[in-house]
Amino acid sequence: MGIFWDLMQQDELDAQKQKAESIEDRVTNLELELEKTRTILKKTLQALESHLQKDIDGDGKTGV
């Protein structure tokens, strides 16, 4: 019975490891997507400030 218990535990450990790696991959992908979104948002804000000639984000500059 002991060998079956060991096999079950090893299977569970392998499943948890795979799940953890999957989560790490998802976090990495989410971080990359967040960086892309921030870049697009910054470019959009700069274009909008340049177009309106108004400081929208409160940094004291327009479009820079």
Protein backbone atom coordinates (compact mmCIF):
# COMPACT_ATOMS: atom_id res chain seq x y z
CA MET A 1 0.00 0.00 0.00
CA GLY A 2 2.93 2.31 0.71
CA ILE A 3 4.15 2.35 -2.88
CA PHE A 4 0.70 3.35 -4.14
CA TRP A 5 0.57 6.17 -1.60
CA ASP A 6 4.00 7.37 -2.77
CA LEU A 7 2.87 7.27 -6.40
CA MET A 8 -0.27 9.24 -5.56
CA GLN A 9 1.76 11.86 -3.69
CA GLN A 10 4.27 12.14 -6.53
CA ASP A 11 1.45 12.58 -9.03
CA GLU A 12 -0.04 15.34 -6.88
CA LEU A 13 3.34 17.05 -6.56
CA ASP A 14 3.82 16.92 -10.32
CA ALA A 15 0.36 18.39 -10.88
CA GLN A 16 1.07 21.23 -8.43
CA LYS A 17 4.41 21.95 -10.10
CA GLN A 18 2.78 22.13 -13.52
CA LYS A 19 0.06 24.39 -12.15
CA ALA A 20 2.65 26.70 -10.55
CA GLU A 21 4.62 26.93 -13.79
CA SER A 22 1.41 27.71 -15.63
CA ILE A 23 0.61 30.49 -13.17
CA GLU A 24 4.13 31.90 -13.52
CA ASP A 25 3.72 31.94 -17.30
CA ARG A 26 0.37 33.66 -16.98
CA VAL A 27 1.82 36.30 -14.64
CA THR A 28 4.69 36.94 -17.06
CA ASN A 29 2.25 37.32 -19.96
CA LEU A 30 0.03 39.64 -17.91
CA GLU A 31 3.02 41.79 -16.98
CA LEU A 32 3.97 42.09 -20.66
CA GLU A 33 0.41 42.99 -21.62
CA LEU A 34 0.29 45.60 -18.84
CA GLU A 35 3.49 47.19 -20.12
CA LYS A 36 2.10 47.31 -23.67
CA THR A 37 -1.15 48.84 -22.39
CA ARG A 38 0.74 51.50 -20.42
CA THR A 39 2.81 52.38 -23.49
CA ILE A 40 -0.29 52.74 -25.66
CA LEU A 41 -2.06 54.78 -22.97
CA LYS A 42 0.94 57.12 -22.63
CA LYS A 43 1.13 57.64 -26.41
CA THR A 44 -2.63 58.25 -26.57
CA LEU A 45 -2.46 60.78 -23.73
CA GLN A 46 0.43 62.61 -25.39
CA ALA A 47 -1.43 62.78 -28.69
CA LEU A 48 -4.61 63.99 -26.99
CA GLU A 49 -2.75 66.67 -25.03
CA SER A 50 -1.00 67.83 -28.21
CA HIS A 51 -4.28 67.96 -30.08
CA LEU A 52 -6.18 69.81 -27.34
CA GLN A 53 -3.19 71.87 -26.21
CA LYS A 54 -4.25 71.12 -22.65
CA ASP A 55 -2.47 69.44 -19.72
CA ILE A 56 -4.71 66.45 -18.96
CA ASP A 57 -2.50 64.39 -16.67
CA GLY A 58 -1.38 67.29 -14.47
CA ASP A 59 2.35 67.03 -15.17
CA GLY A 60 2.59 70.69 -16.22
CA LYS A 61 3.31 69.85 -19.86
CA THR A 62 1.17 69.28 -22.92
CA GLY A 63 1.94 66.42 -25.25
CA VAL A 64 5.40 65.67 -23.88
